[in-house]
Each structure stands twice: as structure tokens, then as C-alpha cells.
C-alpha atoms as a PDB file:
ATOM      1  CA  UNK A   1      -9.442  -3.052  67.344  1.00  0.00           C
ATOM      2  CA  UNK A   2     -13.160  -3.613  67.821  1.00  0.00           C
ATOM      3  CA  UNK A   3     -15.417  -0.419  67.447  1.00  0.00           C
ATOM      4  CA  UNK A   4     -18.953   0.322  67.625  1.00  0.00           C
ATOM      5  CA  UNK A   5     -19.706   1.731  64.170  1.00  0.00           C
ATOM      6  CA  UNK A   6     -22.737   3.664  63.013  1.00  0.00           C
ATOM      7  CA  UNK A   7     -24.779   2.098  60.127  1.00  0.00           C
ATOM      8  CA  UNK A   8     -27.836   2.776  58.208  1.00  0.00           C
ATOM      9  CA  UNK A   9     -30.890   0.172  58.274  1.00  0.00           C
ATOM     10  CA  UNK A  10     -31.624  -0.954  54.871  1.00  0.00           C
ATOM     11  CA  UNK A  11     -33.894  -3.759  55.381  1.00  0.00           C
ATOM     12  CA  UNK A  12     -35.461  -5.525  58.394  1.00  0.00           C
ATOM     13  CA  UNK A  13     -36.766  -9.011  58.427  1.00  0.00           C
ATOM     14  CA  UNK A  14     -37.496 -11.698  61.082  1.00  0.00           C
ATOM     15  CA  UNK A  15     -35.416 -14.886  61.270  1.00  0.00           C
ATOM     16  CA  UNK A  16     -36.257 -17.644  63.437  1.00  0.00           C
ATOM     17  CA  UNK A  17     -38.027 -15.207  65.866  1.00  0.00           C
ATOM     18  CA  UNK A  18     -35.215 -12.650  65.747  1.00  0.00           C
ATOM     19  CA  UNK A  19     -35.384  -9.224  64.222  1.00  0.00           C
ATOM     20  CA  UNK A  20     -32.441  -8.986  61.858  1.00  0.00           C
ATOM     21  CA  UNK A  21     -31.342  -5.990  59.464  1.00  0.00           C
ATOM     22  CA  UNK A  22     -29.155  -5.264  56.504  1.00  0.00           C
ATOM     23  CA  UNK A  23     -27.087  -2.460  57.608  1.00  0.00           C
ATOM     24  CA  UNK A  24     -24.928  -0.246  55.587  1.00  0.00           C
ATOM     25  CA  UNK A  25     -21.574   1.009  57.032  1.00  0.00           C
ATOM     26  CA  UNK A  26     -20.488   3.506  54.529  1.00  0.00           C
ATOM     27  CA  UNK A  27     -20.414   1.015  51.736  1.00  0.00           C
ATOM     28  CA  UNK A  28     -19.910  -2.173  53.696  1.00  0.00           C
ATOM     29  CA  UNK A  29     -23.130  -4.118  54.093  1.00  0.00           C
ATOM     30  CA  UNK A  30     -23.536  -6.603  57.163  1.00  0.00           C
ATOM     31  CA  UNK A  31     -26.330  -8.374  58.841  1.00  0.00           C
ATOM     32  CA  UNK A  32     -27.176  -7.088  62.313  1.00  0.00           C
ATOM     33  CA  UNK A  33     -29.441  -8.083  65.184  1.00  0.00           C
ATOM     34  CA  UNK A  34     -31.882  -5.623  66.300  1.00  0.00           C
ATOM     35  CA  UNK A  35     -33.181  -7.333  69.551  1.00  0.00           C
ATOM     36  CA  UNK A  36     -31.545  -4.531  71.771  1.00  0.00           C
ATOM     37  CA  UNK A  37     -33.333  -1.989  69.759  1.00  0.00           C
ATOM     38  CA  UNK A  38     -36.630  -3.583  68.602  1.00  0.00           C
ATOM     39  CA  UNK A  39     -38.299  -0.323  67.427  1.00  0.00           C
ATOM     40  CA  UNK A  40     -35.626   0.644  65.010  1.00  0.00           C
ATOM     41  CA  UNK A  41     -36.859   1.352  61.534  1.00  0.00           C
ATOM     42  CA  UNK A  42     -35.716   1.254  57.828  1.00  0.00           C
ATOM     43  CA  UNK A  43     -33.796   4.445  57.218  1.00  0.00           C
ATOM     44  CA  UNK A  44     -32.655   4.867  60.793  1.00  0.00           C
ATOM     45  CA  UNK A  45     -29.088   4.799  61.921  1.00  0.00           C
ATOM     46  CA  UNK A  46     -27.717   2.848  64.908  1.00  0.00           C
ATOM     47  CA  UNK A  47     -24.640   2.245  66.679  1.00  0.00           C
ATOM     48  CA  UNK A  48     -23.607  -1.448  66.066  1.00  0.00           C
ATOM     49  CA  UNK A  49     -20.978  -3.456  67.901  1.00  0.00           C
ATOM     50  CA  UNK A  50     -20.185  -7.191  67.294  1.00  0.00           C
ATOM     51  CA  UNK A  51     -23.273  -7.550  65.216  1.00  0.00           C
ATOM     52  CA  UNK A  52     -25.717  -6.095  67.560  1.00  0.00           C
ATOM     53  CA  UNK A  53     -27.592  -2.740  67.241  1.00  0.00           C
ATOM     54  CA  UNK A  54     -27.136  -0.942  70.494  1.00  0.00           C
ATOM     55  CA  UNK A  55     -28.490   2.397  70.255  1.00  0.00           C
ATOM     56  CA  UNK A  56     -30.323   4.754  67.679  1.00  0.00           C
ATOM     57  CA  UNK A  57     -28.280   7.543  66.396  1.00  0.00           C
ATOM     58  CA  UNK A  58     -29.300  10.577  64.310  1.00  0.00           C
ATOM     59  CA  UNK A  59     -28.217  10.821  60.789  1.00  0.00           C
ATOM     60  CA  UNK A  60     -25.938  13.699  61.014  1.00  0.00           C
ATOM     61  CA  UNK A  61     -23.844  12.046  63.963  1.00  0.00           C
ATOM     62  CA  UNK A  62     -23.754   8.928  61.930  1.00  0.00           C
ATOM     63  CA  UNK A  63     -22.492  10.576  58.752  1.00  0.00           C
ATOM     64  CA  UNK A  64     -19.968  12.547  60.686  1.00  0.00           C
ATOM     65  CA  UNK A  65     -18.677   9.707  62.631  1.00  0.00           C
ATOM     66  CA  UNK A  66     -18.353   7.305  59.384  1.00  0.00           C
ATOM     67  CA  UNK A  67     -16.550  10.083  57.654  1.00  0.00           C
ATOM     68  CA  UNK A  68     -14.072  10.449  60.485  1.00  0.00           C
ATOM     69  CA  UNK A  69     -13.497   6.670  60.788  1.00  0.00           C
ATOM     70  CA  UNK A  70     -12.942   6.499  56.960  1.00  0.00           C
ATOM     71  CA  UNK A  71     -10.269   9.360  57.228  1.00  0.00           C
ATOM     72  CA  UNK A  72      -8.524   7.503  60.044  1.00  0.00           C
ATOM     73  CA  UNK A  73      -8.480   4.286  58.161  1.00  0.00           C
ATOM     74  CA  UNK A  74     -10.692   2.606  61.003  1.00  0.00           C
ATOM     75  CA  UNK A  75     -13.511   1.384  58.641  1.00  0.00           C
ATOM     76  CA  UNK A  76     -10.696  -0.600  56.576  1.00  0.00           C
ATOM     77  CA  UNK A  77      -9.304  -1.817  59.947  1.00  0.00           C
ATOM     78  CA  UNK A  78     -12.619  -2.848  61.343  1.00  0.00           C
ATOM     79  CA  UNK A  79     -13.997  -4.361  58.279  1.00  0.00           C
ATOM     80  CA  UNK A  80     -11.095  -4.845  55.971  1.00  0.00           C
ATOM     81  CA  UNK A  81     -11.493  -6.746  52.692  1.00  0.00           C
ATOM     82  CA  UNK A  82     -12.514 -10.423  53.440  1.00  0.00           C
ATOM     83  CA  UNK A  83     -10.734 -11.671  50.418  1.00  0.00           C
ATOM     84  CA  UNK A  84      -7.563  -9.796  51.280  1.00  0.00           C
ATOM     85  CA  UNK A  85      -7.748 -11.062  54.885  1.00  0.00           C
ATOM     86  CA  UNK A  86      -8.335 -14.658  53.505  1.00  0.00           C
ATOM     87  CA  UNK A  87      -5.246 -14.296  51.210  1.00  0.00           C
ATOM     88  CA  UNK A  88      -3.164 -12.983  54.007  1.00  0.00           C
ATOM     89  CA  UNK A  89      -4.011 -15.871  56.327  1.00  0.00           C
ATOM     90  CA  UNK A  90      -2.937 -18.364  53.648  1.00  0.00           C
ATOM     91  CA  UNK A  91       0.274 -16.571  53.104  1.00  0.00           C
ATOM     92  CA  UNK A  92       2.299 -17.993  56.101  1.00  0.00           C
ATOM     93  CA  UNK A  93       1.223 -21.593  55.265  1.00  0.00           C
ATOM     94  CA  UNK A  94       2.289 -21.047  51.504  1.00  0.00           C
ATOM     95  CA  UNK A  95       5.732 -19.789  52.653  1.00  0.00           C
ATOM     96  CA  UNK A  96       6.047 -22.772  54.916  1.00  0.00           C
ATOM     97  CA  UNK A  97       5.203 -25.047  52.065  1.00  0.00           C
ATOM     98  CA  UNK A  98       7.755 -23.509  49.802  1.00  0.00           C
ATOM     99  CA  UNK A  99      10.572 -24.086  52.489  1.00  0.00           C
END
């Protein structure tokens, strides 16, 4: 499933002419493009989908949504643990090699 997830802008910088931000999604930190919401500032919240900030969001709504997503297990499903995911991808190959 691919969700639009609220996140808090922690840092903003320009890279190769593109505004980029470090965004915290309830403990998961990712790089996000701010080109669709160019006036977004550090400390504000945005709805993010596939690495792009799409819309500004108030803090209360963002926190409620993140709490609900976490309760439903959607944050783990959306972001997961990259090391666990990588290990899981290797598992079928490892099983084939053992056979």
C-alpha cells in the first residue's frame, strides 16, 4: 500500500536547484522534495506521498494521523525496516541455494 503520510520538516536545503527537506514521520526520517509546496518552513507539517510534499497540514491533524497510522501498523507497512526488508529479499535466494 502506498500512503500519503504527514511529516514534520526538520531541515531545508537546496540541492541542484531543488528545495529538499529532511522530514520526520514519527521517528522515521526521509528526504522529501518541497517543489510542490515551496513556502513550507522548518517546523511545519506536510502530507508527503512518494517523496514529495503535497500539502501543508496543521500539527494537531498530523499528530493524530501519525498516531492512528502507528496504531493500525500502517507506518511499519509503509516504511518498514530497510534491513529487515533486505534480509527478506535475500531469503528466497538463500533457500534456492541450499536446495
